[in-house]
Amino acid sequence: MVKSIIRVSEHALKRIKERYIDLELIEQVIQEPLEVVDVKFGRKAACRKLDDHYLVVIFEEQKDEIVIVTVLKVDEVRLNRYGFSRI
């Protein structure tokens, strides 16, 4: 899932700062996800396990870039609600 550009929306930047998430971790989730599922509005969600939680990155694939819409830290219960099944 390698695209040439990963862009972070203003909303995602706010959430990244609020949740103390490293941008390198977000890139790792996009580049090497545990699983990717389709979510609302034609967007996708990628997840990866980190310590005692999962990092979920909601993104849109556009012509030559990936746009990060938001980023979440979730537990297994919430991960299932998003439709992930490989946990």
N, C-alpha and C. Protein backbone atom coordinates (compact mmCIF):
# COMPACT_ATOMS: atom_id res chain seq x y z
N MET A 1 0.83 -1.18 0.00
CA MET A 1 0.00 0.00 0.00
C MET A 1 0.87 1.25 0.00
N VAL A 2 1.84 1.31 -0.86
CA VAL A 2 2.77 2.44 -0.87
C VAL A 2 2.30 3.46 -1.90
N LYS A 3 2.07 4.67 -1.45
CA LYS A 3 1.75 5.80 -2.32
C LYS A 3 2.88 6.79 -2.17
N SER A 4 2.98 7.73 -3.09
CA SER A 4 4.11 8.64 -3.05
C SER A 4 4.02 9.66 -1.91
N ILE A 5 2.82 10.06 -1.52
CA ILE A 5 2.67 11.13 -0.53
C ILE A 5 1.66 10.70 0.54
N ILE A 6 1.99 10.98 1.79
CA ILE A 6 1.03 10.83 2.87
C ILE A 6 0.80 12.23 3.43
N ARG A 7 -0.45 12.69 3.35
CA ARG A 7 -0.80 14.03 3.83
C ARG A 7 -1.71 13.87 5.05
N VAL A 8 -1.55 14.75 6.03
CA VAL A 8 -2.33 14.68 7.25
C VAL A 8 -3.28 15.88 7.29
N SER A 9 -4.59 15.61 7.45
CA SER A 9 -5.58 16.68 7.50
C SER A 9 -5.43 17.48 8.79
N GLU A 10 -6.02 18.67 8.81
CA GLU A 10 -5.99 19.52 10.01
C GLU A 10 -6.64 18.80 11.18
N HIS A 11 -7.77 18.14 10.93
CA HIS A 11 -8.46 17.40 11.99
C HIS A 11 -7.55 16.32 12.56
N ALA A 12 -6.90 15.57 11.68
CA ALA A 12 -6.00 14.51 12.14
C ALA A 12 -4.84 15.07 12.95
N LEU A 13 -4.30 16.20 12.53
CA LEU A 13 -3.21 16.83 13.29
C LEU A 13 -3.64 17.16 14.72
N LYS A 14 -4.87 17.67 14.87
CA LYS A 14 -5.40 17.96 16.20
C LYS A 14 -5.45 16.69 17.04
N ARG A 15 -6.00 15.63 16.46
CA ARG A 15 -6.15 14.37 17.19
C ARG A 15 -4.79 13.76 17.54
N ILE A 16 -3.84 13.88 16.64
CA ILE A 16 -2.49 13.35 16.87
C ILE A 16 -1.86 14.05 18.08
N LYS A 17 -2.01 15.37 18.14
CA LYS A 17 -1.46 16.12 19.27
C LYS A 17 -2.19 15.79 20.57
N GLU A 18 -3.54 15.73 20.52
CA GLU A 18 -4.33 15.41 21.71
C GLU A 18 -4.00 14.03 22.27
N ARG A 19 -3.73 13.10 21.38
CA ARG A 19 -3.53 11.71 21.79
C ARG A 19 -2.05 11.32 21.88
N TYR A 20 -1.17 12.29 21.71
CA TYR A 20 0.28 12.07 21.84
C TYR A 20 0.75 10.89 20.99
N ILE A 21 0.45 10.97 19.71
CA ILE A 21 0.81 9.91 18.77
C ILE A 21 1.95 10.40 17.88
N ASP A 22 2.95 9.59 17.72
CA ASP A 22 4.11 9.91 16.89
C ASP A 22 3.76 9.73 15.41
N LEU A 23 4.12 10.70 14.59
CA LEU A 23 3.83 10.60 13.15
C LEU A 23 4.48 9.38 12.51
N GLU A 24 5.62 8.96 13.02
CA GLU A 24 6.27 7.76 12.46
C GLU A 24 5.42 6.51 12.68
N LEU A 25 4.72 6.44 13.81
CA LEU A 25 3.83 5.31 14.06
C LEU A 25 2.68 5.28 13.06
N ILE A 26 2.16 6.44 12.74
CA ILE A 26 1.07 6.53 11.77
C ILE A 26 1.54 6.03 10.41
N GLU A 27 2.72 6.43 10.02
CA GLU A 27 3.28 5.97 8.75
C GLU A 27 3.47 4.46 8.76
N GLN A 28 3.90 3.89 9.89
CA GLN A 28 4.06 2.44 9.99
C GLN A 28 2.73 1.72 9.82
N VAL A 29 1.68 2.27 10.42
CA VAL A 29 0.35 1.66 10.29
C VAL A 29 -0.08 1.65 8.83
N ILE A 30 0.16 2.75 8.13
CA ILE A 30 -0.22 2.83 6.71
C ILE A 30 0.63 1.89 5.86
N GLN A 31 1.92 1.84 6.11
CA GLN A 31 2.83 1.04 5.29
C GLN A 31 2.75 -0.46 5.59
N GLU A 32 2.55 -0.83 6.87
CA GLU A 32 2.54 -2.23 7.29
C GLU A 32 1.39 -2.51 8.25
N PRO A 33 0.15 -2.41 7.78
CA PRO A 33 -0.99 -2.61 8.67
C PRO A 33 -1.20 -4.08 9.03
N LEU A 34 -1.76 -4.30 10.20
CA LEU A 34 -2.21 -5.64 10.57
C LEU A 34 -3.40 -6.02 9.70
N GLU A 35 -4.27 -5.03 9.47
CA GLU A 35 -5.46 -5.24 8.65
C GLU A 35 -5.96 -3.89 8.15
N VAL A 36 -6.64 -3.90 7.00
CA VAL A 36 -7.27 -2.70 6.44
C VAL A 36 -8.72 -3.05 6.13
N VAL A 37 -9.65 -2.20 6.58
CA VAL A 37 -11.07 -2.43 6.31
C VAL A 37 -11.69 -1.18 5.70
N ASP A 38 -12.78 -1.38 4.98
CA ASP A 38 -13.54 -0.26 4.44
C ASP A 38 -14.43 0.30 5.54
N VAL A 39 -14.50 1.63 5.62
CA VAL A 39 -15.38 2.30 6.58
C VAL A 39 -16.25 3.30 5.83
N LYS A 40 -16.94 4.18 6.53
CA LYS A 40 -17.88 5.13 5.92
C LYS A 40 -17.23 6.07 4.91
N PHE A 41 -18.05 6.56 4.02
CA PHE A 41 -17.70 7.61 3.06
C PHE A 41 -16.58 7.21 2.11
N GLY A 42 -16.42 5.91 1.84
CA GLY A 42 -15.38 5.45 0.92
C GLY A 42 -13.99 5.48 1.52
N ARG A 43 -13.91 5.68 2.81
CA ARG A 43 -12.61 5.72 3.49
C ARG A 43 -12.20 4.32 3.91
N LYS A 44 -10.95 4.21 4.34
CA LYS A 44 -10.41 2.95 4.83
C LYS A 44 -9.83 3.18 6.22
N ALA A 45 -9.74 2.09 6.97
CA ALA A 45 -9.13 2.14 8.30
C ALA A 45 -8.06 1.06 8.36
N ALA A 46 -6.89 1.44 8.81
CA ALA A 46 -5.78 0.51 8.99
C ALA A 46 -5.47 0.44 10.47
N CYS A 47 -5.08 -0.74 10.95
CA CYS A 47 -4.76 -0.86 12.36
C CYS A 47 -3.45 -1.61 12.57
N ARG A 48 -2.91 -1.39 13.76
CA ARG A 48 -1.69 -2.07 14.16
C ARG A 48 -1.64 -2.09 15.69
N LYS A 49 -1.17 -3.19 16.25
CA LYS A 49 -1.10 -3.33 17.71
C LYS A 49 0.11 -2.57 18.25
N LEU A 50 -0.16 -1.81 19.33
CA LEU A 50 0.89 -1.08 20.03
C LEU A 50 0.70 -1.30 21.52
N ASP A 51 1.62 -1.98 22.14
CA ASP A 51 1.54 -2.22 23.59
C ASP A 51 0.18 -2.78 23.99
N ASP A 52 -0.56 -2.02 24.81
CA ASP A 52 -1.84 -2.50 25.33
C ASP A 52 -3.06 -1.99 24.55
N HIS A 53 -2.84 -1.40 23.40
CA HIS A 53 -3.95 -0.88 22.59
C HIS A 53 -3.62 -1.04 21.10
N TYR A 54 -4.57 -0.64 20.27
CA TYR A 54 -4.38 -0.65 18.82
C TYR A 54 -4.42 0.79 18.32
N LEU A 55 -3.61 1.08 17.33
CA LEU A 55 -3.63 2.37 16.68
C LEU A 55 -4.41 2.19 15.38
N VAL A 56 -5.46 2.99 15.21
CA VAL A 56 -6.31 2.94 14.01
C VAL A 56 -6.13 4.25 13.26
N VAL A 57 -5.84 4.15 11.98
CA VAL A 57 -5.67 5.32 11.13
C VAL A 57 -6.77 5.28 10.07
N ILE A 58 -7.61 6.29 10.06
CA ILE A 58 -8.67 6.43 9.06
C ILE A 58 -8.11 7.30 7.95
N PHE A 59 -8.22 6.82 6.70
CA PHE A 59 -7.60 7.56 5.60
C PHE A 59 -8.41 7.43 4.31
N GLU A 60 -8.11 8.31 3.37
CA GLU A 60 -8.68 8.28 2.02
C GLU A 60 -7.55 8.07 1.03
N GLU A 61 -7.77 7.20 0.08
CA GLU A 61 -6.80 7.02 -1.00
C GLU A 61 -7.22 7.91 -2.15
N GLN A 62 -6.35 8.83 -2.50
CA GLN A 62 -6.62 9.69 -3.64
C GLN A 62 -5.65 9.34 -4.75
N LYS A 63 -5.72 10.04 -5.83
CA LYS A 63 -4.95 9.69 -7.03
C LYS A 63 -3.48 9.39 -6.75
N ASP A 64 -2.77 10.30 -6.13
CA ASP A 64 -1.34 10.11 -5.90
C ASP A 64 -0.93 10.33 -4.45
N GLU A 65 -1.92 10.26 -3.54
CA GLU A 65 -1.60 10.46 -2.13
C GLU A 65 -2.60 9.75 -1.23
N ILE A 66 -2.18 9.58 0.00
CA ILE A 66 -3.06 9.07 1.06
C ILE A 66 -3.28 10.24 2.01
N VAL A 67 -4.55 10.52 2.30
CA VAL A 67 -4.89 11.60 3.21
C VAL A 67 -5.37 11.00 4.53
N ILE A 68 -4.64 11.28 5.61
CA ILE A 68 -5.02 10.81 6.93
C ILE A 68 -6.16 11.69 7.43
N VAL A 69 -7.29 11.07 7.75
CA VAL A 69 -8.48 11.81 8.19
C VAL A 69 -8.49 11.94 9.71
N THR A 70 -8.22 10.85 10.42
CA THR A 70 -8.14 10.88 11.86
C THR A 70 -7.36 9.68 12.37
N VAL A 71 -7.01 9.72 13.64
CA VAL A 71 -6.21 8.67 14.26
C VAL A 71 -6.80 8.37 15.64
N LEU A 72 -6.93 7.08 15.96
CA LEU A 72 -7.54 6.66 17.21
C LEU A 72 -6.68 5.64 17.93
N LYS A 73 -6.74 5.66 19.26
CA LYS A 73 -6.19 4.58 20.07
C LYS A 73 -7.39 3.82 20.62
N VAL A 74 -7.47 2.52 20.36
CA VAL A 74 -8.65 1.75 20.76
C VAL A 74 -8.26 0.42 21.39
N ASP A 75 -9.23 -0.16 22.10
CA ASP A 75 -9.04 -1.51 22.65
C ASP A 75 -9.67 -2.51 21.67
N GLU A 76 -9.59 -3.80 22.00
CA GLU A 76 -10.11 -4.84 21.10
C GLU A 76 -11.61 -4.73 20.86
N VAL A 77 -12.36 -4.35 21.88
CA VAL A 77 -13.82 -4.23 21.74
C VAL A 77 -14.16 -3.17 20.70
N ARG A 78 -13.56 -2.02 20.84
CA ARG A 78 -13.82 -0.93 19.89
C ARG A 78 -13.28 -1.27 18.50
N LEU A 79 -12.17 -1.99 18.45
CA LEU A 79 -11.60 -2.41 17.17
C LEU A 79 -12.59 -3.28 16.39
N ASN A 80 -13.27 -4.17 17.10
CA ASN A 80 -14.29 -5.02 16.47
C ASN A 80 -15.44 -4.20 15.90
N ARG A 81 -15.80 -3.12 16.57
CA ARG A 81 -16.90 -2.26 16.09
C ARG A 81 -16.58 -1.63 14.73
N TYR A 82 -15.29 -1.41 14.48
CA TYR A 82 -14.88 -0.85 13.19
C TYR A 82 -14.85 -1.91 12.09
N GLY A 83 -14.98 -3.18 12.47
CA GLY A 83 -15.01 -4.25 11.48
C GLY A 83 -13.73 -5.01 11.30
N PHE A 84 -12.75 -4.77 12.16
CA PHE A 84 -11.50 -5.53 12.08
C PHE A 84 -11.74 -6.93 12.61
N SER A 85 -11.15 -7.92 11.98
CA SER A 85 -11.38 -9.30 12.40
C SER A 85 -10.11 -10.09 12.65
N ARG A 86 -8.95 -9.56 12.36
CA ARG A 86 -7.69 -10.30 12.47
C ARG A 86 -6.96 -10.07 13.80
N ILE A 87 -7.69 -9.83 14.85
CA ILE A 87 -7.05 -9.57 16.14
C ILE A 87 -6.96 -10.83 16.98
